[in-house]
Amino acid sequence: MHHEPEFPEYDDDTLRRLALLPRTAPIDPAQADRIVDQLRHEGFFRRRGSIARRVAQAAAAVAIFVLGALIGSRYAQRNSLEQMLTRGNLTVAERVLLLQRAGSAYVRAAHSYADATAQVDSNAVEVASRVLLGAAHAVARNRLDAGLSARLSNALTPVVAPQPIIWF
């Protein structure tokens, strides 16, 4: 394998003149101070942080994390279904959305119940259907979802006359 030089080839006179150039140059102290100041300004001579500073930074990071977790937990708890059910100052739109959330939770619970039992409980299926239908009607009446609930309500409405449900 032939290795090609990285530098252009110089003639003998150029090489002799390059060899005569000094390898070091004297520098005056003021110029050295300016170079060191510039290097320090560019961050080359940073002091290593003390252990106390690193501990303080780690404590601040942990405090920020814990504060974020507490705020997030408080926000999630305040907007939980159970907390919203106890609030009395909800607007009509918030109440309809609460009804929809509660209905959806009920339907999920009924579905989970149906999955856990060996036999299909037709009462649970009917009640879940009615709750979901009622929530869809409420959302559609208040126009909270641009018509999606109305279509969902129409899809869930039975074609035949509904049978009366006997509650025990």
N, C-alpha and C. Protein backbone atom coordinates (compact mmCIF):
# COMPACT_ATOMS: atom_id res chain seq x y z
N MET A 1 0.84 -1.16 0.00
CA MET A 1 0.00 0.00 0.00
C MET A 1 0.89 1.23 0.00
N HIS A 2 0.58 2.15 -0.86
CA HIS A 2 1.39 3.35 -1.01
C HIS A 2 0.79 4.46 -0.16
N HIS A 3 1.60 5.06 0.71
CA HIS A 3 1.14 6.13 1.58
C HIS A 3 1.48 7.47 0.94
N GLU A 4 0.45 8.26 0.71
CA GLU A 4 0.69 9.57 0.13
C GLU A 4 0.83 10.59 1.24
N PRO A 5 1.75 11.52 1.10
CA PRO A 5 1.93 12.52 2.15
C PRO A 5 0.72 13.44 2.24
N GLU A 6 0.47 13.91 3.49
CA GLU A 6 -0.66 14.81 3.71
C GLU A 6 -0.33 16.24 3.31
N PHE A 7 0.96 16.60 3.32
CA PHE A 7 1.38 17.95 3.00
C PHE A 7 1.90 17.99 1.57
N PRO A 8 1.81 19.14 0.97
CA PRO A 8 2.36 19.22 -0.39
C PRO A 8 3.88 19.05 -0.34
N GLU A 9 4.41 18.56 -1.37
CA GLU A 9 5.86 18.34 -1.41
C GLU A 9 6.56 19.68 -1.61
N TYR A 10 7.58 19.91 -0.77
CA TYR A 10 8.35 21.14 -0.86
C TYR A 10 9.69 20.83 -1.50
N ASP A 11 10.23 21.82 -2.11
CA ASP A 11 11.58 21.61 -2.67
C ASP A 11 12.60 21.76 -1.55
N ASP A 12 13.84 21.47 -1.82
CA ASP A 12 14.89 21.46 -0.80
C ASP A 12 15.09 22.84 -0.20
N ASP A 13 14.99 23.88 -0.99
CA ASP A 13 15.20 25.24 -0.48
C ASP A 13 14.12 25.61 0.53
N THR A 14 12.87 25.26 0.24
CA THR A 14 11.76 25.57 1.16
C THR A 14 11.93 24.78 2.45
N LEU A 15 12.31 23.52 2.38
CA LEU A 15 12.51 22.71 3.58
C LEU A 15 13.64 23.28 4.43
N ARG A 16 14.73 23.75 3.81
CA ARG A 16 15.86 24.32 4.54
C ARG A 16 15.41 25.59 5.26
N ARG A 17 14.62 26.43 4.60
CA ARG A 17 14.15 27.66 5.22
C ARG A 17 13.18 27.37 6.37
N LEU A 18 12.33 26.38 6.19
CA LEU A 18 11.42 26.00 7.28
C LEU A 18 12.19 25.49 8.48
N ALA A 19 13.26 24.76 8.26
CA ALA A 19 14.07 24.22 9.36
C ALA A 19 14.78 25.34 10.11
N LEU A 20 15.06 26.45 9.49
CA LEU A 20 15.75 27.58 10.13
C LEU A 20 14.81 28.39 11.03
N LEU A 21 13.51 28.22 10.86
CA LEU A 21 12.56 28.97 11.69
C LEU A 21 12.66 28.53 13.15
N PRO A 22 12.55 29.45 14.11
CA PRO A 22 12.64 29.06 15.53
C PRO A 22 11.40 28.25 15.93
N ARG A 23 11.59 27.30 16.84
CA ARG A 23 10.49 26.45 17.31
C ARG A 23 9.73 27.12 18.45
N THR A 24 10.31 28.02 19.15
CA THR A 24 9.65 28.77 20.21
C THR A 24 9.89 30.25 19.97
N ALA A 25 9.01 31.05 20.52
CA ALA A 25 9.17 32.49 20.39
C ALA A 25 9.02 33.11 21.77
N PRO A 26 9.83 34.07 22.10
CA PRO A 26 9.71 34.71 23.41
C PRO A 26 8.40 35.49 23.49
N ILE A 27 7.80 35.49 24.65
CA ILE A 27 6.53 36.18 24.86
C ILE A 27 6.71 37.10 26.06
N ASP A 28 6.21 38.30 25.96
CA ASP A 28 6.36 39.22 27.09
C ASP A 28 5.27 38.90 28.12
N PRO A 29 5.49 39.25 29.40
CA PRO A 29 4.53 38.92 30.47
C PRO A 29 3.14 39.51 30.26
N ALA A 30 3.04 40.71 29.72
CA ALA A 30 1.72 41.31 29.50
C ALA A 30 0.92 40.51 28.48
N GLN A 31 1.61 40.06 27.44
CA GLN A 31 0.93 39.26 26.42
C GLN A 31 0.51 37.90 27.01
N ALA A 32 1.33 37.33 27.86
CA ALA A 32 0.99 36.06 28.51
C ALA A 32 -0.25 36.24 29.39
N ASP A 33 -0.31 37.35 30.13
CA ASP A 33 -1.48 37.61 30.97
C ASP A 33 -2.74 37.76 30.14
N ARG A 34 -2.64 38.44 29.00
CA ARG A 34 -3.80 38.59 28.12
C ARG A 34 -4.27 37.23 27.59
N ILE A 35 -3.33 36.38 27.24
CA ILE A 35 -3.70 35.05 26.73
C ILE A 35 -4.36 34.22 27.83
N VAL A 36 -3.81 34.27 29.04
CA VAL A 36 -4.40 33.52 30.15
C VAL A 36 -5.79 34.06 30.48
N ASP A 37 -5.94 35.41 30.49
CA ASP A 37 -7.26 35.99 30.74
C ASP A 37 -8.27 35.56 29.69
N GLN A 38 -7.84 35.55 28.43
CA GLN A 38 -8.75 35.14 27.36
C GLN A 38 -9.13 33.66 27.51
N LEU A 39 -8.17 32.82 27.84
CA LEU A 39 -8.47 31.40 28.04
C LEU A 39 -9.40 31.21 29.25
N ARG A 40 -9.17 31.98 30.31
CA ARG A 40 -10.03 31.89 31.49
C ARG A 40 -11.44 32.35 31.13
N HIS A 41 -11.53 33.42 30.34
CA HIS A 41 -12.84 33.93 29.90
C HIS A 41 -13.58 32.89 29.05
N GLU A 42 -12.88 32.13 28.27
CA GLU A 42 -13.49 31.10 27.43
C GLU A 42 -13.75 29.81 28.19
N GLY A 43 -13.39 29.77 29.48
CA GLY A 43 -13.75 28.64 30.32
C GLY A 43 -12.73 27.53 30.41
N PHE A 44 -11.49 27.79 30.01
CA PHE A 44 -10.50 26.72 30.05
C PHE A 44 -9.90 26.51 31.43
N PHE A 45 -9.94 27.52 32.29
CA PHE A 45 -9.33 27.41 33.61
C PHE A 45 -10.39 27.50 34.71
N ARG A 46 -11.47 26.77 34.56
CA ARG A 46 -12.51 26.77 35.57
C ARG A 46 -12.04 26.02 36.81
N ARG A 47 -12.48 26.55 37.92
CA ARG A 47 -12.19 25.84 39.16
C ARG A 47 -13.19 24.71 39.31
N ARG A 48 -12.74 23.65 39.85
CA ARG A 48 -13.66 22.54 40.13
C ARG A 48 -14.55 22.94 41.29
N GLY A 49 -15.84 22.58 41.18
CA GLY A 49 -16.79 22.94 42.23
C GLY A 49 -16.46 22.22 43.52
N SER A 50 -16.72 22.89 44.60
CA SER A 50 -16.47 22.27 45.89
C SER A 50 -17.54 21.22 46.16
N ILE A 51 -17.27 20.38 47.11
CA ILE A 51 -18.21 19.33 47.46
C ILE A 51 -19.49 19.93 48.02
N ALA A 52 -19.36 21.01 48.79
CA ALA A 52 -20.55 21.65 49.35
C ALA A 52 -21.45 22.18 48.24
N ARG A 53 -20.85 22.71 47.20
CA ARG A 53 -21.64 23.24 46.08
C ARG A 53 -22.35 22.10 45.35
N ARG A 54 -21.66 21.00 45.15
CA ARG A 54 -22.29 19.85 44.48
C ARG A 54 -23.42 19.27 45.32
N VAL A 55 -23.23 19.22 46.63
CA VAL A 55 -24.29 18.72 47.51
C VAL A 55 -25.49 19.66 47.46
N ALA A 56 -25.23 20.97 47.45
CA ALA A 56 -26.32 21.94 47.38
C ALA A 56 -27.08 21.80 46.06
N GLN A 57 -26.37 21.58 44.97
CA GLN A 57 -27.03 21.39 43.67
C GLN A 57 -27.86 20.11 43.67
N ALA A 58 -27.34 19.04 44.23
CA ALA A 58 -28.09 17.79 44.29
C ALA A 58 -29.33 17.95 45.18
N ALA A 59 -29.20 18.67 46.29
CA ALA A 59 -30.35 18.90 47.17
C ALA A 59 -31.40 19.75 46.46
N ALA A 60 -30.96 20.74 45.69
CA ALA A 60 -31.91 21.56 44.94
C ALA A 60 -32.64 20.73 43.90
N ALA A 61 -31.92 19.83 43.23
CA ALA A 61 -32.56 18.97 42.23
C ALA A 61 -33.59 18.05 42.88
N VAL A 62 -33.26 17.49 44.03
CA VAL A 62 -34.20 16.62 44.74
C VAL A 62 -35.41 17.43 45.21
N ALA A 63 -35.17 18.64 45.70
CA ALA A 63 -36.28 19.48 46.16
C ALA A 63 -37.22 19.83 45.01
N ILE A 64 -36.67 20.15 43.85
CA ILE A 64 -37.50 20.47 42.69
C ILE A 64 -38.31 19.24 42.27
N PHE A 65 -37.69 18.07 42.29
CA PHE A 65 -38.40 16.84 41.93
C PHE A 65 -39.54 16.57 42.90
N VAL A 66 -39.27 16.67 44.20
CA VAL A 66 -40.30 16.39 45.21
C VAL A 66 -41.43 17.41 45.10
N LEU A 67 -41.08 18.68 44.90
CA LEU A 67 -42.10 19.71 44.76
C LEU A 67 -42.97 19.44 43.53
N GLY A 68 -42.37 19.05 42.42
CA GLY A 68 -43.14 18.70 41.22
C GLY A 68 -44.05 17.51 41.46
N ALA A 69 -43.55 16.52 42.16
CA ALA A 69 -44.37 15.33 42.45
C ALA A 69 -45.55 15.70 43.36
N LEU A 70 -45.31 16.55 44.35
CA LEU A 70 -46.39 16.96 45.24
C LEU A 70 -47.44 17.79 44.50
N ILE A 71 -46.99 18.71 43.67
CA ILE A 71 -47.94 19.54 42.91
C ILE A 71 -48.74 18.66 41.95
N GLY A 72 -48.08 17.73 41.28
CA GLY A 72 -48.78 16.83 40.37
C GLY A 72 -49.78 15.95 41.09
N SER A 73 -49.40 15.45 42.25
CA SER A 73 -50.31 14.62 43.04
C SER A 73 -51.51 15.43 43.50
N ARG A 74 -51.28 16.65 43.94
CA ARG A 74 -52.38 17.52 44.38
C ARG A 74 -53.32 17.83 43.22
N TYR A 75 -52.76 18.11 42.06
CA TYR A 75 -53.58 18.40 40.89
C TYR A 75 -54.42 17.19 40.50
N ALA A 76 -53.80 16.01 40.50
CA ALA A 76 -54.53 14.79 40.15
C ALA A 76 -55.62 14.50 41.17
N GLN A 77 -55.32 14.73 42.45
CA GLN A 77 -56.33 14.47 43.48
C GLN A 77 -57.48 15.46 43.36
N ARG A 78 -57.17 16.74 43.10
CA ARG A 78 -58.21 17.76 43.01
C ARG A 78 -59.14 17.49 41.84
N ASN A 79 -58.62 16.94 40.75
CA ASN A 79 -59.44 16.67 39.57
C ASN A 79 -59.90 15.22 39.49
N SER A 80 -59.77 14.48 40.59
CA SER A 80 -60.23 13.10 40.58
C SER A 80 -61.75 13.05 40.55
N LEU A 81 -62.26 11.95 40.11
CA LEU A 81 -63.71 11.77 40.01
C LEU A 81 -64.36 11.89 41.38
N GLU A 82 -63.76 11.30 42.39
CA GLU A 82 -64.33 11.34 43.74
C GLU A 82 -64.37 12.77 44.27
N GLN A 83 -63.31 13.54 44.04
CA GLN A 83 -63.26 14.91 44.52
C GLN A 83 -64.27 15.79 43.79
N MET A 84 -64.40 15.58 42.49
CA MET A 84 -65.36 16.37 41.72
C MET A 84 -66.80 16.05 42.13
N LEU A 85 -67.05 14.81 42.54
CA LEU A 85 -68.40 14.44 42.99
C LEU A 85 -68.79 15.18 44.27
N THR A 86 -67.82 15.53 45.09
CA THR A 86 -68.11 16.22 46.35
C THR A 86 -68.21 17.73 46.18
N ARG A 87 -67.70 18.27 45.08
CA ARG A 87 -67.74 19.72 44.87
C ARG A 87 -69.14 20.17 44.49
N GLY A 88 -69.56 21.30 45.03
CA GLY A 88 -70.88 21.82 44.73
C GLY A 88 -70.86 23.03 43.82
N ASN A 89 -69.69 23.49 43.44
CA ASN A 89 -69.59 24.72 42.65
C ASN A 89 -69.28 24.45 41.18
N LEU A 90 -69.70 23.32 40.66
CA LEU A 90 -69.43 22.98 39.27
C LEU A 90 -70.43 23.68 38.35
N THR A 91 -69.93 24.07 37.18
CA THR A 91 -70.83 24.65 36.17
C THR A 91 -71.63 23.52 35.52
N VAL A 92 -72.60 23.90 34.71
CA VAL A 92 -73.41 22.89 34.04
C VAL A 92 -72.53 22.04 33.13
N ALA A 93 -71.64 22.68 32.38
CA ALA A 93 -70.77 21.92 31.49
C ALA A 93 -69.87 20.97 32.28
N GLU A 94 -69.35 21.44 33.43
CA GLU A 94 -68.51 20.57 34.26
C GLU A 94 -69.32 19.42 34.84
N ARG A 95 -70.56 19.68 35.18
CA ARG A 95 -71.42 18.60 35.70
C ARG A 95 -71.71 17.55 34.63
N VAL A 96 -71.92 18.01 33.40
CA VAL A 96 -72.18 17.06 32.31
C VAL A 96 -70.92 16.22 32.06
N LEU A 97 -69.77 16.88 32.05
CA LEU A 97 -68.54 16.12 31.86
C LEU A 97 -68.28 15.18 33.03
N LEU A 98 -68.65 15.60 34.23
CA LEU A 98 -68.53 14.72 35.40
C LEU A 98 -69.45 13.51 35.22
N LEU A 99 -70.65 13.75 34.74
CA LEU A 99 -71.58 12.66 34.48
C LEU A 99 -71.00 11.70 33.44
N GLN A 100 -70.39 12.26 32.41
CA GLN A 100 -69.79 11.42 31.38
C GLN A 100 -68.62 10.62 31.94
N ARG A 101 -67.77 11.27 32.75
CA ARG A 101 -66.64 10.55 33.35
C ARG A 101 -67.13 9.45 34.29
N ALA A 102 -68.14 9.78 35.10
CA ALA A 102 -68.68 8.78 36.04
C ALA A 102 -69.32 7.63 35.28
N GLY A 103 -70.04 7.95 34.21
CA GLY A 103 -70.64 6.90 33.39
C GLY A 103 -69.59 6.02 32.75
N SER A 104 -68.55 6.63 32.24
CA SER A 104 -67.47 5.84 31.64
C SER A 104 -66.80 4.96 32.67
N ALA A 105 -66.59 5.49 33.88
CA ALA A 105 -65.99 4.68 34.95
C ALA A 105 -66.91 3.52 35.32
N TYR A 106 -68.21 3.80 35.34
CA TYR A 106 -69.18 2.74 35.65
C TYR A 106 -69.17 1.67 34.58
N VAL A 107 -69.11 2.09 33.33
CA VAL A 107 -69.08 1.12 32.23
C VAL A 107 -67.81 0.28 32.31
N ARG A 108 -66.67 0.92 32.61
CA ARG A 108 -65.43 0.14 32.75
C ARG A 108 -65.53 -0.85 33.90
N ALA A 109 -66.14 -0.41 35.01
CA ALA A 109 -66.31 -1.31 36.16
C ALA A 109 -67.23 -2.47 35.81
N ALA A 110 -68.31 -2.18 35.07
CA ALA A 110 -69.23 -3.24 34.66
C ALA A 110 -68.54 -4.21 33.71
N HIS A 111 -67.73 -3.67 32.82
CA HIS A 111 -67.00 -4.54 31.89
C HIS A 111 -66.01 -5.42 32.66
N SER A 112 -65.34 -4.82 33.64
CA SER A 112 -64.41 -5.59 34.46
C SER A 112 -65.16 -6.67 35.24
N TYR A 113 -66.34 -6.34 35.74
CA TYR A 113 -67.17 -7.32 36.44
C TYR A 113 -67.57 -8.45 35.50
N ALA A 114 -67.96 -8.08 34.28
CA ALA A 114 -68.37 -9.10 33.30
C ALA A 114 -67.19 -10.01 32.95
N ASP A 115 -65.99 -9.44 32.86
CA ASP A 115 -64.82 -10.26 32.56
C ASP A 115 -64.48 -11.21 33.71
N ALA A 116 -64.79 -10.78 34.93
CA ALA A 116 -64.43 -11.58 36.10
C ALA A 116 -65.41 -12.71 36.36
N THR A 117 -66.62 -12.62 35.83
CA THR A 117 -67.62 -13.66 36.09
C THR A 117 -67.64 -14.66 34.94
N ALA A 118 -68.05 -15.85 35.29
CA ALA A 118 -68.09 -16.91 34.28
C ALA A 118 -69.29 -16.73 33.35
N GLN A 119 -70.40 -16.22 33.89
CA GLN A 119 -71.60 -16.06 33.08
C GLN A 119 -71.81 -14.57 32.79
N VAL A 120 -72.43 -14.31 31.67
CA VAL A 120 -72.75 -12.93 31.31
C VAL A 120 -73.92 -12.47 32.17
N ASP A 121 -73.73 -11.36 32.85
CA ASP A 121 -74.79 -10.78 33.68
C ASP A 121 -75.52 -9.76 32.82
N SER A 122 -76.69 -10.14 32.34
CA SER A 122 -77.42 -9.27 31.42
C SER A 122 -77.86 -7.97 32.09
N ASN A 123 -78.10 -8.02 33.39
CA ASN A 123 -78.48 -6.79 34.11
C ASN A 123 -77.33 -5.79 34.09
N ALA A 124 -76.12 -6.27 34.34
CA ALA A 124 -74.97 -5.37 34.35
C ALA A 124 -74.73 -4.78 32.96
N VAL A 125 -74.91 -5.59 31.94
CA VAL A 125 -74.74 -5.11 30.57
C VAL A 125 -75.79 -4.05 30.25
N GLU A 126 -77.03 -4.30 30.64
CA GLU A 126 -78.12 -3.34 30.38
C GLU A 126 -77.91 -2.03 31.13
N VAL A 127 -77.51 -2.12 32.39
CA VAL A 127 -77.29 -0.91 33.19
C VAL A 127 -76.12 -0.12 32.62
N ALA A 128 -75.05 -0.80 32.26
CA ALA A 128 -73.89 -0.11 31.69
C ALA A 128 -74.28 0.58 30.39
N SER A 129 -75.08 -0.10 29.58
CA SER A 129 -75.53 0.50 28.33
C SER A 129 -76.36 1.74 28.59
N ARG A 130 -77.28 1.67 29.55
CA ARG A 130 -78.14 2.82 29.87
C ARG A 130 -77.34 4.00 30.43
N VAL A 131 -76.36 3.71 31.27
CA VAL A 131 -75.54 4.78 31.84
C VAL A 131 -74.75 5.47 30.74
N LEU A 132 -74.16 4.68 29.87
CA LEU A 132 -73.39 5.26 28.77
C LEU A 132 -74.30 6.05 27.84
N LEU A 133 -75.47 5.53 27.57
CA LEU A 133 -76.43 6.23 26.72
C LEU A 133 -76.87 7.54 27.37
N GLY A 134 -77.14 7.52 28.68
CA GLY A 134 -77.54 8.74 29.39
C GLY A 134 -76.44 9.79 29.37
N ALA A 135 -75.21 9.37 29.55
CA ALA A 135 -74.10 10.33 29.51
C ALA A 135 -73.95 10.91 28.11
N ALA A 136 -74.10 10.08 27.09
CA ALA A 136 -74.00 10.56 25.71
C ALA A 136 -75.11 11.55 25.41
N HIS A 137 -76.32 11.29 25.90
CA HIS A 137 -77.44 12.23 25.70
C HIS A 137 -77.16 13.56 26.38
N ALA A 138 -76.65 13.52 27.60
CA ALA A 138 -76.38 14.76 28.34
C ALA A 138 -75.32 15.59 27.64
N VAL A 139 -74.28 14.94 27.16
CA VAL A 139 -73.22 15.66 26.45
C VAL A 139 -73.76 16.22 25.14
N ALA A 140 -74.57 15.45 24.44
CA ALA A 140 -75.13 15.93 23.17
C ALA A 140 -76.07 17.10 23.39
N ARG A 141 -76.91 17.07 24.46
CA ARG A 141 -77.83 18.18 24.74
C ARG A 141 -77.08 19.48 25.00
N ASN A 142 -75.92 19.38 25.62
CA ASN A 142 -75.16 20.59 25.95
C ASN A 142 -74.12 20.95 24.89
N ARG A 143 -74.08 20.21 23.80
CA ARG A 143 -73.19 20.46 22.65
C ARG A 143 -71.73 20.63 23.10
N LEU A 144 -71.24 19.67 23.85
CA LEU A 144 -69.88 19.75 24.38
C LEU A 144 -68.85 19.03 23.53
N ASP A 145 -69.29 18.33 22.50
CA ASP A 145 -68.30 17.54 21.75
C ASP A 145 -68.51 17.59 20.24
N ALA A 146 -69.11 18.61 19.72
CA ALA A 146 -69.26 18.82 18.28
C ALA A 146 -70.01 17.69 17.58
N GLY A 147 -70.99 17.10 18.23
CA GLY A 147 -71.85 16.13 17.58
C GLY A 147 -71.47 14.68 17.71
N LEU A 148 -70.33 14.39 18.32
CA LEU A 148 -69.92 12.99 18.43
C LEU A 148 -70.85 12.23 19.37
N SER A 149 -71.25 12.83 20.47
CA SER A 149 -72.12 12.13 21.42
C SER A 149 -73.49 11.87 20.82
N ALA A 150 -73.98 12.78 19.99
CA ALA A 150 -75.27 12.56 19.35
C ALA A 150 -75.21 11.32 18.45
N ARG A 151 -74.14 11.19 17.71
CA ARG A 151 -73.99 9.99 16.86
C ARG A 151 -73.83 8.74 17.71
N LEU A 152 -73.10 8.86 18.82
CA LEU A 152 -72.93 7.72 19.73
C LEU A 152 -74.26 7.35 20.36
N SER A 153 -75.02 8.37 20.75
CA SER A 153 -76.34 8.14 21.34
C SER A 153 -77.26 7.43 20.35
N ASN A 154 -77.25 7.88 19.09
CA ASN A 154 -78.08 7.23 18.07
C ASN A 154 -77.64 5.79 17.84
N ALA A 155 -76.35 5.54 17.89
CA ALA A 155 -75.85 4.18 17.68
C ALA A 155 -76.23 3.26 18.83
N LEU A 156 -76.30 3.81 20.05
CA LEU A 156 -76.61 2.98 21.21
C LEU A 156 -78.11 2.80 21.46
N THR A 157 -78.92 3.66 20.88
CA THR A 157 -80.36 3.57 21.10
C THR A 157 -80.89 2.31 20.45
N PRO A 158 -81.61 1.49 21.21
CA PRO A 158 -82.13 0.25 20.63
C PRO A 158 -83.19 0.56 19.56
N VAL A 159 -83.22 -0.28 18.55
CA VAL A 159 -84.17 -0.11 17.45
C VAL A 159 -85.56 -0.51 17.90
N VAL A 160 -85.65 -1.56 18.68
CA VAL A 160 -86.95 -2.02 19.18
C VAL A 160 -87.31 -1.23 20.43
N ALA A 161 -88.56 -1.29 20.80
CA ALA A 161 -89.01 -0.59 22.00
C ALA A 161 -88.27 -1.18 23.20
N PRO A 162 -87.77 -0.31 24.06
CA PRO A 162 -87.00 -0.83 25.21
C PRO A 162 -87.89 -1.58 26.19
N GLN A 163 -87.34 -2.62 26.73
CA GLN A 163 -88.03 -3.42 27.74
C GLN A 163 -87.88 -2.72 29.09
N PRO A 164 -88.92 -2.79 29.92
CA PRO A 164 -88.78 -2.16 31.24
C PRO A 164 -87.78 -2.94 32.07
N ILE A 165 -87.04 -2.22 32.85
CA ILE A 165 -86.03 -2.85 33.73
C ILE A 165 -86.60 -2.88 35.14
N ILE A 166 -86.54 -4.03 35.74
CA ILE A 166 -87.04 -4.19 37.09
C ILE A 166 -85.81 -4.19 38.02
N TRP A 167 -85.79 -3.22 38.92
CA TRP A 167 -84.69 -3.08 39.86
C TRP A 167 -85.07 -3.73 41.19
N PHE A 168 -84.17 -4.46 41.76
CA PHE A 168 -84.43 -5.09 43.05
C PHE A 168 -83.69 -4.38 44.13
